[in-house]
Amino acid sequence: HSMGGLVTRRAAQLAPDKMLGVVHGVQPVAGAPVVYRRFRAGTEVGGVFDLEGAAVAAIVGWNAADITPTLACSPGPLELLPTKHYPPGWLQVAQNEQVVMALPQADPYEEIYSKTTDDCWWGMLDPKLIDPKGKMKSPLEAHRTALGKAADFHEALGLYAHPQTYGYYGIDERKYRAFGHITWQTDKLPHDDVLPLVINQDSGHTLNGQSTVPLYQQEAQDARVKLKLANVCNQGGDGTVPRDSAQVLDRLQPTPQVVFRIAGFDHQNSFANRYALQATVYSIARLVAEQAPAPVPY
């Protein structure tokens, strides 16, 4: 289930003959952009009636100050960041509905994850939030070490799949949409020159996904851009893993035997869905049926 699929694929890569086969459920094959969003804005909550989202936020973290100390130096959560196999351009800046900047173009580690708010306004995390108690010798270095381990894991795993792989993922376009891309929104860009938006630091940012960026050296009001992270799930999925990541399961090598695309469940409770259960039982039955019978001892 979920990230367990990434761990299982790596284990199978190292010892494929020790496994009869693998059945994946809702695997974030190419990661999830929402991880970046949580570093800058905390756990997403869809309004006052989103009780489940509020419960998750209470555990994981309401804002960037809660999230960053937990995730920044942990390779496991960082392995859920989008890999190079995720479609490019998932981090966007948009003026109203028009996208004026989109990253990464190729390597998300180089173009996004290696950047902090000390480097540019859209950096993935604020390094001052990594160690609020001040007990680490070098918090930023610890983060970079963990990020390096995540990068090595992604590179080693690639698109490998066990030769006998089955799986299913969510494609719900109504109730369980997910963040397929992350958008910094602004109502107005006072200038046509987008370059400052690419390279400038901010003059201030909040813990819930807001930033103010001076375009030039002058501090005139019309020379600053105010941006806010959109809180709208924009792609079909299972509420956590977007379609762009889940469907990479189809591209694993060697090609999986069977992959089911199912709507109607959320990520955490996917095995409570009867179609997901039927797909899982079918896959296990196929794995067993296709194996040669064990010799009968005499």
C-alpha atoms as a PDB file:
ATOM      1  CA  HIS A   1       0.000   0.000   0.000  1.00  0.00           C
ATOM      2  CA  SER A   2       1.164   3.505  -0.885  1.00  0.00           C
ATOM      3  CA  MET A   3       4.825   4.209  -0.109  1.00  0.00           C
ATOM      4  CA  GLY A   4       5.269   0.582   0.897  1.00  0.00           C
ATOM      5  CA  GLY A   5       5.276  -0.019  -2.838  1.00  0.00           C
ATOM      6  CA  LEU A   6       8.410   2.090  -3.267  1.00  0.00           C
ATOM      7  CA  VAL A   7      10.170   0.153  -0.511  1.00  0.00           C
ATOM      8  CA  THR A   8       9.013  -3.172  -1.975  1.00  0.00           C
ATOM      9  CA  ARG A   9      10.225  -2.288  -5.456  1.00  0.00           C
ATOM     10  CA  ARG A  10      13.668  -1.457  -4.062  1.00  0.00           C
ATOM     11  CA  ALA A  11      13.727  -4.715  -2.082  1.00  0.00           C
ATOM     12  CA  ALA A  12      12.672  -6.660  -5.189  1.00  0.00           C
ATOM     13  CA  GLN A  13      15.390  -4.901  -7.161  1.00  0.00           C
ATOM     14  CA  LEU A  14      17.971  -6.278  -4.741  1.00  0.00           C
ATOM     15  CA  ALA A  15      16.480  -9.765  -4.331  1.00  0.00           C
ATOM     16  CA  PRO A  16      13.870 -10.502  -7.029  1.00  0.00           C
ATOM     17  CA  ASP A  17      14.135 -14.273  -6.601  1.00  0.00           C
ATOM     18  CA  LYS A  18      12.942 -13.965  -3.009  1.00  0.00           C
ATOM     19  CA  MET A  19       9.499 -12.730  -4.101  1.00  0.00           C
ATOM     20  CA  LEU A  20       6.755 -14.546  -5.959  1.00  0.00           C
ATOM     21  CA  GLY A  21       5.395 -11.227  -7.151  1.00  0.00           C
ATOM     22  CA  VAL A  22       4.126  -7.819  -6.022  1.00  0.00           C
ATOM     23  CA  VAL A  23       0.639  -6.297  -5.871  1.00  0.00           C
ATOM     24  CA  HIS A  24       0.746  -2.508  -5.540  1.00  0.00           C
ATOM     25  CA  GLY A  25      -2.082  -0.357  -4.220  1.00  0.00           C
ATOM     26  CA  VAL A  26      -2.205   3.447  -4.636  1.00  0.00           C
ATOM     27  CA  GLN A  27       1.574   3.730  -5.005  1.00  0.00           C
ATOM     28  CA  PRO A  28       2.946   7.292  -5.376  1.00  0.00           C
ATOM     29  CA  VAL A  29       5.186   5.980  -8.158  1.00  0.00           C
ATOM     30  CA  ALA A  30       6.654   9.355  -9.136  1.00  0.00           C
ATOM     31  CA  GLY A  31       5.990  11.171  -5.869  1.00  0.00           C
ATOM     32  CA  ALA A  32       3.447  13.824  -4.887  1.00  0.00           C
ATOM     33  CA  PRO A  33       3.776  17.633  -5.324  1.00  0.00           C
ATOM     34  CA  VAL A  34       1.771  18.180  -2.130  1.00  0.00           C
ATOM     35  CA  VAL A  35       4.969  17.465  -0.142  1.00  0.00           C
ATOM     36  CA  TYR A  36       6.450  20.763  -1.405  1.00  0.00           C
ATOM     37  CA  ARG A  37       3.245  22.557  -0.490  1.00  0.00           C
ATOM     38  CA  ARG A  38       3.312  21.205   3.051  1.00  0.00           C
ATOM     39  CA  PHE A  39       6.838  22.545   3.583  1.00  0.00           C
ATOM     40  CA  ARG A  40       5.595  26.035   2.724  1.00  0.00           C
ATOM     41  CA  ALA A  41       2.020  26.015   4.022  1.00  0.00           C
ATOM     42  CA  GLY A  42       1.445  23.044   6.317  1.00  0.00           C
ATOM     43  CA  THR A  43      -1.182  20.360   5.846  1.00  0.00           C
ATOM     44  CA  GLU A  44      -3.960  21.270   3.446  1.00  0.00           C
ATOM     45  CA  VAL A  45      -7.444  21.590   4.983  1.00  0.00           C
ATOM     46  CA  GLY A  46     -10.467  22.104   2.760  1.00  0.00           C
ATOM     47  CA  GLY A  47     -12.457  24.525   4.893  1.00  0.00           C
ATOM     48  CA  VAL A  48     -14.131  24.336   8.291  1.00  0.00           C
ATOM     49  CA  PHE A  49     -16.112  21.212   7.374  1.00  0.00           C
ATOM     50  CA  ASP A  50     -13.039  19.183   6.372  1.00  0.00           C
ATOM     51  CA  LEU A  51     -12.815  17.267   9.641  1.00  0.00           C
ATOM     52  CA  GLU A  52     -10.577  14.564   8.222  1.00  0.00           C
ATOM     53  CA  GLY A  53      -8.127  17.152   6.860  1.00  0.00           C
ATOM     54  CA  ALA A  54      -8.139  18.932  10.210  1.00  0.00           C
ATOM     55  CA  ALA A  55      -7.381  15.659  11.992  1.00  0.00           C
ATOM     56  CA  VAL A  56      -4.420  15.022   9.696  1.00  0.00           C
ATOM     57  CA  ALA A  57      -3.192  18.595  10.195  1.00  0.00           C
ATOM     58  CA  ALA A  58      -3.368  18.185  13.973  1.00  0.00           C
ATOM     59  CA  ILE A  59      -1.018  15.192  13.689  1.00  0.00           C
ATOM     60  CA  VAL A  60       1.280  16.153  10.812  1.00  0.00           C
ATOM     61  CA  GLY A  61       1.308  19.928  11.254  1.00  0.00           C
ATOM     62  CA  TRP A  62      -0.904  22.940  10.657  1.00  0.00           C
ATOM     63  CA  ASN A  63       1.755  25.160   9.116  1.00  0.00           C
ATOM     64  CA  ALA A  64       5.343  25.290   7.872  1.00  0.00           C
ATOM     65  CA  ALA A  65       6.733  25.687  11.386  1.00  0.00           C
ATOM     66  CA  ASP A  66       5.056  22.420  12.413  1.00  0.00           C
ATOM     67  CA  ILE A  67       5.930  20.456   9.276  1.00  0.00           C
ATOM     68  CA  THR A  68       9.550  21.457   8.647  1.00  0.00           C
ATOM     69  CA  PRO A  69      11.207  20.051  11.805  1.00  0.00           C
ATOM     70  CA  THR A  70       9.444  16.724  11.202  1.00  0.00           C
ATOM     71  CA  LEU A  71      10.136  16.259   7.495  1.00  0.00           C
ATOM     72  CA  ALA A  72      13.276  18.225   6.663  1.00  0.00           C
ATOM     73  CA  CYS A  73      15.837  15.735   7.979  1.00  0.00           C
ATOM     74  CA  SER A  74      13.907  12.502   7.340  1.00  0.00           C
ATOM     75  CA  PRO A  75      14.831  10.706   4.085  1.00  0.00           C
ATOM     76  CA  GLY A  76      11.570   8.713   4.073  1.00  0.00           C
ATOM     77  CA  PRO A  77       9.150  11.651   3.717  1.00  0.00           C
ATOM     78  CA  LEU A  78      11.550  13.361   1.305  1.00  0.00           C
ATOM     79  CA  GLU A  79      11.347  10.273  -0.928  1.00  0.00           C
ATOM     80  CA  LEU A  80       7.709  11.260  -1.549  1.00  0.00           C
ATOM     81  CA  LEU A  81       8.804  14.400  -3.416  1.00  0.00           C
ATOM     82  CA  PRO A  82       8.156  14.235  -7.178  1.00  0.00           C
ATOM     83  CA  THR A  83      10.930  12.442  -9.036  1.00  0.00           C
ATOM     84  CA  LYS A  84      12.309  13.200 -12.495  1.00  0.00           C
ATOM     85  CA  HIS A  85       9.681  10.776 -13.839  1.00  0.00           C
ATOM     86  CA  TYR A  86       6.892  13.143 -12.791  1.00  0.00           C
ATOM     87  CA  PRO A  87       5.779  15.447 -15.639  1.00  0.00           C
ATOM     88  CA  PRO A  88       7.827  18.682 -15.592  1.00  0.00           C
ATOM     89  CA  GLY A  89       6.410  22.073 -14.714  1.00  0.00           C
ATOM     90  CA  TRP A  90       4.414  21.013 -11.647  1.00  0.00           C
ATOM     91  CA  LEU A  91       5.534  24.048  -9.587  1.00  0.00           C
ATOM     92  CA  GLN A  92       3.864  27.066 -11.146  1.00  0.00           C
ATOM     93  CA  VAL A  93       3.387  30.784 -10.756  1.00  0.00           C
ATOM     94  CA  ALA A  94       0.135  32.038 -12.246  1.00  0.00           C
ATOM     95  CA  GLN A  95      -1.328  35.473 -12.775  1.00  0.00           C
ATOM     96  CA  ASN A  96      -4.994  34.663 -12.441  1.00  0.00           C
ATOM     97  CA  GLU A  97      -5.236  31.592 -14.716  1.00  0.00           C
ATOM     98  CA  GLN A  98      -2.180  32.300 -16.882  1.00  0.00           C
ATOM     99  CA  VAL A  99       0.980  30.380 -15.967  1.00  0.00           C
ATOM    100  CA  VAL A 100       4.006  32.699 -16.187  1.00  0.00           C
ATOM    101  CA  MET A 101       6.624  30.400 -14.621  1.00  0.00           C
ATOM    102  CA  ALA A 102       6.850  26.614 -14.305  1.00  0.00           C
ATOM    103  CA  LEU A 103       9.507  24.355 -12.796  1.00  0.00           C
ATOM    104  CA  PRO A 104      11.222  21.968 -13.018  1.00  0.00           C
ATOM    105  CA  GLN A 105      12.259  21.824 -16.621  1.00  0.00           C
ATOM    106  CA  ALA A 106      14.336  18.695 -16.056  1.00  0.00           C
ATOM    107  CA  ASP A 107      15.822  17.983 -12.607  1.00  0.00           C
ATOM    108  CA  PRO A 108      13.597  18.780  -9.583  1.00  0.00           C
ATOM    109  CA  TYR A 109      16.462  18.256  -7.140  1.00  0.00           C
ATOM    110  CA  GLU A 110      18.660  20.853  -8.791  1.00  0.00           C
ATOM    111  CA  GLU A 111      15.901  23.272  -9.742  1.00  0.00           C
ATOM    112  CA  ILE A 112      13.621  23.095  -6.680  1.00  0.00           C
ATOM    113  CA  TYR A 113      14.636  20.933  -3.720  1.00  0.00           C
ATOM    114  CA  SER A 114      18.157  22.318  -3.370  1.00  0.00           C
ATOM    115  CA  LYS A 115      16.718  25.838  -2.976  1.00  0.00           C
ATOM    116  CA  THR A 116      15.639  27.380   0.320  1.00  0.00           C
ATOM    117  CA  THR A 117      13.922  30.683   1.007  1.00  0.00           C
ATOM    118  CA  ASP A 118      17.390  32.108   1.580  1.00  0.00           C
ATOM    119  CA  ASP A 119      18.140  31.427  -2.097  1.00  0.00           C
ATOM    120  CA  CYS A 120      14.878  32.466  -3.743  1.00  0.00           C
ATOM    121  CA  TRP A 121      11.327  33.210  -2.633  1.00  0.00           C
ATOM    122  CA  TRP A 122       9.906  29.902  -3.901  1.00  0.00           C
ATOM    123  CA  GLY A 123      12.567  27.770  -2.176  1.00  0.00           C
ATOM    124  CA  MET A 124      11.185  24.548  -0.733  1.00  0.00           C
ATOM    125  CA  LEU A 125      11.744  25.355   2.919  1.00  0.00           C
ATOM    126  CA  ASP A 126      12.776  28.047   5.346  1.00  0.00           C
ATOM    127  CA  PRO A 127      16.057  26.829   6.908  1.00  0.00           C
ATOM    128  CA  LYS A 128      15.321  28.741  10.118  1.00  0.00           C
ATOM    129  CA  LEU A 129      12.429  26.340  10.795  1.00  0.00           C
ATOM    130  CA  ILE A 130      14.446  23.102  10.644  1.00  0.00           C
ATOM    131  CA  ASP A 131      15.674  23.157  14.253  1.00  0.00           C
ATOM    132  CA  PRO A 132      13.410  25.333  16.429  1.00  0.00           C
ATOM    133  CA  LYS A 133      15.102  24.173  19.650  1.00  0.00           C
ATOM    134  CA  GLY A 134      18.573  25.027  18.368  1.00  0.00           C
ATOM    135  CA  LYS A 135      20.061  21.638  19.266  1.00  0.00           C
ATOM    136  CA  MET A 136      21.587  20.708  15.897  1.00  0.00           C
ATOM    137  CA  LYS A 137      25.116  21.696  14.940  1.00  0.00           C
ATOM    138  CA  SER A 138      24.182  22.348  11.303  1.00  0.00           C
ATOM    139  CA  PRO A 139      20.442  22.016  10.558  1.00  0.00           C
ATOM    140  CA  LEU A 140      20.735  22.890   6.877  1.00  0.00           C
ATOM    141  CA  GLU A 141      23.543  20.381   6.365  1.00  0.00           C
ATOM    142  CA  ALA A 142      21.442  17.690   8.057  1.00  0.00           C
ATOM    143  CA  HIS A 143      18.609  18.501   5.682  1.00  0.00           C
ATOM    144  CA  ARG A 144      20.892  18.316   2.663  1.00  0.00           C
ATOM    145  CA  THR A 145      22.229  14.949   3.832  1.00  0.00           C
ATOM    146  CA  ALA A 146      18.693  13.563   4.116  1.00  0.00           C
ATOM    147  CA  LEU A 147      17.789  15.047   0.747  1.00  0.00           C
ATOM    148  CA  GLY A 148      20.847  13.384  -0.773  1.00  0.00           C
ATOM    149  CA  LYS A 149      19.720  10.010   0.563  1.00  0.00           C
ATOM    150  CA  ALA A 150      16.289  10.521  -0.969  1.00  0.00           C
ATOM    151  CA  ALA A 151      17.870  11.463  -4.295  1.00  0.00           C
ATOM    152  CA  ASP A 152      20.064   8.355  -4.229  1.00  0.00           C
ATOM    153  CA  PHE A 153      16.995   6.210  -3.521  1.00  0.00           C
ATOM    154  CA  HIS A 154      15.092   7.722  -6.456  1.00  0.00           C
ATOM    155  CA  GLU A 155      18.055   7.289  -8.786  1.00  0.00           C
ATOM    156  CA  ALA A 156      18.652   3.668  -7.802  1.00  0.00           C
ATOM    157  CA  LEU A 157      14.983   2.714  -8.014  1.00  0.00           C
ATOM    158  CA  GLY A 158      14.270   4.381 -11.353  1.00  0.00           C
ATOM    159  CA  LEU A 159      11.329   2.702 -13.090  1.00  0.00           C
ATOM    160  CA  TYR A 160      12.169  -0.800 -11.937  1.00  0.00           C
ATOM    161  CA  ALA A 161       9.373  -3.300 -11.301  1.00  0.00           C
ATOM    162  CA  HIS A 162       9.415  -6.944 -10.232  1.00  0.00           C
ATOM    163  CA  PRO A 163       8.765  -9.145 -13.315  1.00  0.00           C
ATOM    164  CA  GLN A 164       5.484 -10.294 -11.765  1.00  0.00           C
ATOM    165  CA  THR A 165       3.874  -6.968 -10.866  1.00  0.00           C
ATOM    166  CA  TYR A 166       0.169  -6.184 -10.538  1.00  0.00           C
ATOM    167  CA  GLY A 167      -1.498  -3.124  -9.119  1.00  0.00           C
ATOM    168  CA  TYR A 168      -4.280  -0.572  -8.935  1.00  0.00           C
ATOM    169  CA  TYR A 169      -4.557   3.183  -8.455  1.00  0.00           C
ATOM    170  CA  GLY A 170      -7.203   5.871  -8.056  1.00  0.00           C
ATOM    171  CA  ILE A 171      -8.468   8.097 -10.868  1.00  0.00           C
ATOM    172  CA  ASP A 172     -11.403   9.810  -9.165  1.00  0.00           C
ATOM    173  CA  GLU A 173     -12.194  13.125 -10.884  1.00  0.00           C
ATOM    174  CA  ARG A 174     -14.915  14.261  -8.487  1.00  0.00           C
ATOM    175  CA  LYS A 175     -14.674  13.531  -4.789  1.00  0.00           C
ATOM    176  CA  TYR A 176     -11.017  12.504  -4.390  1.00  0.00           C
ATOM    177  CA  ARG A 177      -8.995  14.900  -6.479  1.00  0.00           C
ATOM    178  CA  ALA A 178      -5.371  15.603  -5.562  1.00  0.00           C
ATOM    179  CA  PHE A 179      -2.664  18.222  -6.135  1.00  0.00           C
ATOM    180  CA  GLY A 180      -1.289  17.439  -9.591  1.00  0.00           C
ATOM    181  CA  HIS A 181       0.590  20.722  -9.604  1.00  0.00           C
ATOM    182  CA  ILE A 182       1.307  23.402  -7.009  1.00  0.00           C
ATOM    183  CA  THR A 183       0.466  26.985  -7.910  1.00  0.00           C
ATOM    184  CA  TRP A 184       1.628  30.268  -6.420  1.00  0.00           C
ATOM    185  CA  GLN A 185      -1.153  32.665  -7.388  1.00  0.00           C
ATOM    186  CA  THR A 186      -1.086  36.417  -7.851  1.00  0.00           C
ATOM    187  CA  ASP A 187      -3.760  38.786  -9.121  1.00  0.00           C
ATOM    188  CA  LYS A 188      -1.424  41.165 -10.868  1.00  0.00           C
ATOM    189  CA  LEU A 189       2.121  41.334 -12.147  1.00  0.00           C
ATOM    190  CA  PRO A 190       3.052  45.004 -12.457  1.00  0.00           C
ATOM    191  CA  HIS A 191       5.685  44.301 -15.110  1.00  0.00           C
ATOM    192  CA  ASP A 192       6.042  41.935 -18.036  1.00  0.00           C
ATOM    193  CA  ASP A 193       9.533  40.964 -16.901  1.00  0.00           C
ATOM    194  CA  VAL A 194       9.249  37.578 -15.168  1.00  0.00           C
ATOM    195  CA  LEU A 195      12.988  37.133 -14.497  1.00  0.00           C
ATOM    196  CA  PRO A 196      12.864  38.721 -11.006  1.00  0.00           C
ATOM    197  CA  LEU A 197      10.212  36.171 -10.056  1.00  0.00           C
ATOM    198  CA  VAL A 198      12.662  33.418 -10.927  1.00  0.00           C
ATOM    199  CA  ILE A 199      15.692  34.656  -9.005  1.00  0.00           C
ATOM    200  CA  ASN A 200      14.622  37.121  -6.282  1.00  0.00           C
ATOM    201  CA  GLN A 201      14.317  36.511  -2.568  1.00  0.00           C
ATOM    202  CA  ASP A 202      11.145  37.583  -0.821  1.00  0.00           C
ATOM    203  CA  SER A 203      10.797  40.522   1.529  1.00  0.00           C
ATOM    204  CA  GLY A 204       8.624  38.412   3.792  1.00  0.00           C
ATOM    205  CA  HIS A 205       6.723  35.108   3.885  1.00  0.00           C
ATOM    206  CA  THR A 206       4.211  33.509   6.200  1.00  0.00           C
ATOM    207  CA  LEU A 207       3.912  30.005   7.620  1.00  0.00           C
ATOM    208  CA  ASN A 208       0.791  29.254   5.609  1.00  0.00           C
ATOM    209  CA  GLY A 209       1.942  29.786   2.038  1.00  0.00           C
ATOM    210  CA  GLN A 210       2.062  33.534   1.385  1.00  0.00           C
ATOM    211  CA  SER A 211       5.009  35.519   0.074  1.00  0.00           C
ATOM    212  CA  THR A 212       5.823  39.079  -0.966  1.00  0.00           C
ATOM    213  CA  VAL A 213       8.465  39.496  -3.663  1.00  0.00           C
ATOM    214  CA  PRO A 214      10.155  42.795  -4.587  1.00  0.00           C
ATOM    215  CA  LEU A 215      10.731  42.852  -8.327  1.00  0.00           C
ATOM    216  CA  TYR A 216      13.449  45.485  -8.296  1.00  0.00           C
ATOM    217  CA  GLN A 217      15.563  47.338  -5.762  1.00  0.00           C
ATOM    218  CA  GLN A 218      13.018  50.048  -5.137  1.00  0.00           C
ATOM    219  CA  GLU A 219      10.409  49.330  -2.488  1.00  0.00           C
ATOM    220  CA  ALA A 220       7.518  51.068  -4.183  1.00  0.00           C
ATOM    221  CA  GLN A 221       4.183  49.331  -3.624  1.00  0.00           C
ATOM    222  CA  ASP A 222       3.707  48.634  -7.339  1.00  0.00           C
ATOM    223  CA  ALA A 223       7.148  47.024  -7.534  1.00  0.00           C
ATOM    224  CA  ARG A 224       6.132  44.140  -5.251  1.00  0.00           C
ATOM    225  CA  VAL A 225       4.157  40.996  -5.995  1.00  0.00           C
ATOM    226  CA  LYS A 226       2.056  39.218  -3.394  1.00  0.00           C
ATOM    227  CA  LEU A 227       1.627  35.496  -3.939  1.00  0.00           C
ATOM    228  CA  LYS A 228      -0.328  32.781  -2.204  1.00  0.00           C
ATOM    229  CA  LEU A 229      -0.320  29.005  -2.579  1.00  0.00           C
ATOM    230  CA  ALA A 230      -3.587  27.804  -4.072  1.00  0.00           C
ATOM    231  CA  ASN A 231      -5.516  25.307  -1.957  1.00  0.00           C
ATOM    232  CA  VAL A 232      -7.454  23.670  -4.776  1.00  0.00           C
ATOM    233  CA  CYS A 233      -6.908  20.054  -5.751  1.00  0.00           C
ATOM    234  CA  ASN A 234      -6.509  20.220  -9.510  1.00  0.00           C
ATOM    235  CA  GLN A 235      -6.207  16.649 -10.784  1.00  0.00           C
ATOM    236  CA  GLY A 236      -7.979  13.326 -10.514  1.00  0.00           C
ATOM    237  CA  GLY A 237      -6.509  10.803  -8.115  1.00  0.00           C
ATOM    238  CA  ASP A 238      -7.209   9.377  -4.676  1.00  0.00           C
ATOM    239  CA  GLY A 239      -7.072  12.560  -2.620  1.00  0.00           C
ATOM    240  CA  THR A 240      -3.319  12.173  -2.011  1.00  0.00           C
ATOM    241  CA  VAL A 241      -1.629  10.669  -5.073  1.00  0.00           C
ATOM    242  CA  PRO A 242      -2.452  12.535  -8.309  1.00  0.00           C
ATOM    243  CA  ARG A 243      -3.029  10.773 -11.599  1.00  0.00           C
ATOM    244  CA  ASP A 244       0.292  12.029 -13.035  1.00  0.00           C
ATOM    245  CA  SER A 245       2.151  10.031 -10.397  1.00  0.00           C
ATOM    246  CA  ALA A 246      -0.107   7.002 -10.057  1.00  0.00           C
ATOM    247  CA  GLN A 247      -0.235   6.226 -13.768  1.00  0.00           C
ATOM    248  CA  VAL A 248       3.560   5.952 -13.955  1.00  0.00           C
ATOM    249  CA  LEU A 249       2.829   2.440 -12.656  1.00  0.00           C
ATOM    250  CA  ASP A 250       1.920   1.622 -16.267  1.00  0.00           C
ATOM    251  CA  ARG A 251       5.423   2.651 -17.404  1.00  0.00           C
ATOM    252  CA  LEU A 252       7.473   0.534 -14.994  1.00  0.00           C
ATOM    253  CA  GLN A 253       9.937  -1.899 -16.511  1.00  0.00           C
ATOM    254  CA  PRO A 254       9.290  -4.692 -17.137  1.00  0.00           C
ATOM    255  CA  THR A 255       5.681  -3.710 -17.866  1.00  0.00           C
ATOM    256  CA  PRO A 256       3.305  -4.825 -15.104  1.00  0.00           C
ATOM    257  CA  GLN A 257       1.084  -7.798 -15.868  1.00  0.00           C
ATOM    258  CA  VAL A 258      -2.197  -6.032 -15.049  1.00  0.00           C
ATOM    259  CA  VAL A 259      -2.987  -2.545 -13.722  1.00  0.00           C
ATOM    260  CA  PHE A 260      -6.483  -1.519 -12.588  1.00  0.00           C
ATOM    261  CA  ARG A 261      -7.657   2.116 -12.659  1.00  0.00           C
ATOM    262  CA  ILE A 262     -10.453   2.652 -10.150  1.00  0.00           C
ATOM    263  CA  ALA A 263     -12.545   5.606  -8.947  1.00  0.00           C
ATOM    264  CA  GLY A 264     -14.452   6.005  -5.721  1.00  0.00           C
ATOM    265  CA  PHE A 265     -11.960   5.756  -2.863  1.00  0.00           C
ATOM    266  CA  ASP A 266      -9.563   7.908  -0.894  1.00  0.00           C
ATOM    267  CA  HIS A 267      -5.905   7.004  -0.504  1.00  0.00           C
ATOM    268  CA  GLN A 268      -5.890   5.870   3.112  1.00  0.00           C
ATOM    269  CA  ASN A 269      -9.017   3.734   2.824  1.00  0.00           C
ATOM    270  CA  SER A 270      -8.446   2.230  -0.603  1.00  0.00           C
ATOM    271  CA  PHE A 271      -8.615  -1.351   0.661  1.00  0.00           C
ATOM    272  CA  ALA A 272     -12.122  -0.653   1.986  1.00  0.00           C
ATOM    273  CA  ASN A 273     -13.277  -0.266  -1.636  1.00  0.00           C
ATOM    274  CA  ARG A 274     -14.740  -3.502  -2.977  1.00  0.00           C
ATOM    275  CA  TYR A 275     -13.316  -3.020  -6.457  1.00  0.00           C
ATOM    276  CA  ALA A 276      -9.837  -2.464  -5.039  1.00  0.00           C
ATOM    277  CA  LEU A 277     -10.252  -5.620  -2.946  1.00  0.00           C
ATOM    278  CA  GLN A 278     -11.415  -7.588  -5.971  1.00  0.00           C
ATOM    279  CA  ALA A 279      -8.437  -6.336  -7.993  1.00  0.00           C
ATOM    280  CA  THR A 280      -6.083  -7.363  -5.182  1.00  0.00           C
ATOM    281  CA  VAL A 281      -7.578 -10.845  -4.766  1.00  0.00           C
ATOM    282  CA  TYR A 282      -7.531 -11.364  -8.537  1.00  0.00           C
ATOM    283  CA  SER A 283      -3.869 -10.326  -8.725  1.00  0.00           C
ATOM    284  CA  ILE A 284      -2.838 -12.657  -5.905  1.00  0.00           C
ATOM    285  CA  ALA A 285      -4.782 -15.527  -7.506  1.00  0.00           C
ATOM    286  CA  ARG A 286      -3.028 -14.923 -10.814  1.00  0.00           C
ATOM    287  CA  LEU A 287       0.370 -14.911  -9.125  1.00  0.00           C
ATOM    288  CA  VAL A 288      -0.334 -18.240  -7.448  1.00  0.00           C
ATOM    289  CA  ALA A 289      -1.969 -19.859 -10.479  1.00  0.00           C
ATOM    290  CA  GLU A 290       0.918 -19.048 -12.795  1.00  0.00           C
ATOM    291  CA  GLN A 291       3.543 -20.705 -10.621  1.00  0.00           C
ATOM    292  CA  ALA A 292       4.717 -24.221 -11.373  1.00  0.00           C
ATOM    293  CA  PRO A 293       3.275 -26.793  -8.930  1.00  0.00           C
ATOM    294  CA  ALA A 294       5.605 -27.797  -6.135  1.00  0.00           C
ATOM    295  CA  PRO A 295       6.987 -31.309  -6.536  1.00  0.00           C
ATOM    296  CA  VAL A 296       5.108 -33.947  -4.581  1.00  0.00           C
ATOM    297  CA  PRO A 297       7.394 -35.784  -2.159  1.00  0.00           C
ATOM    298  CA  TYR A 298       7.373 -39.593  -2.324  1.00  0.00           C
END
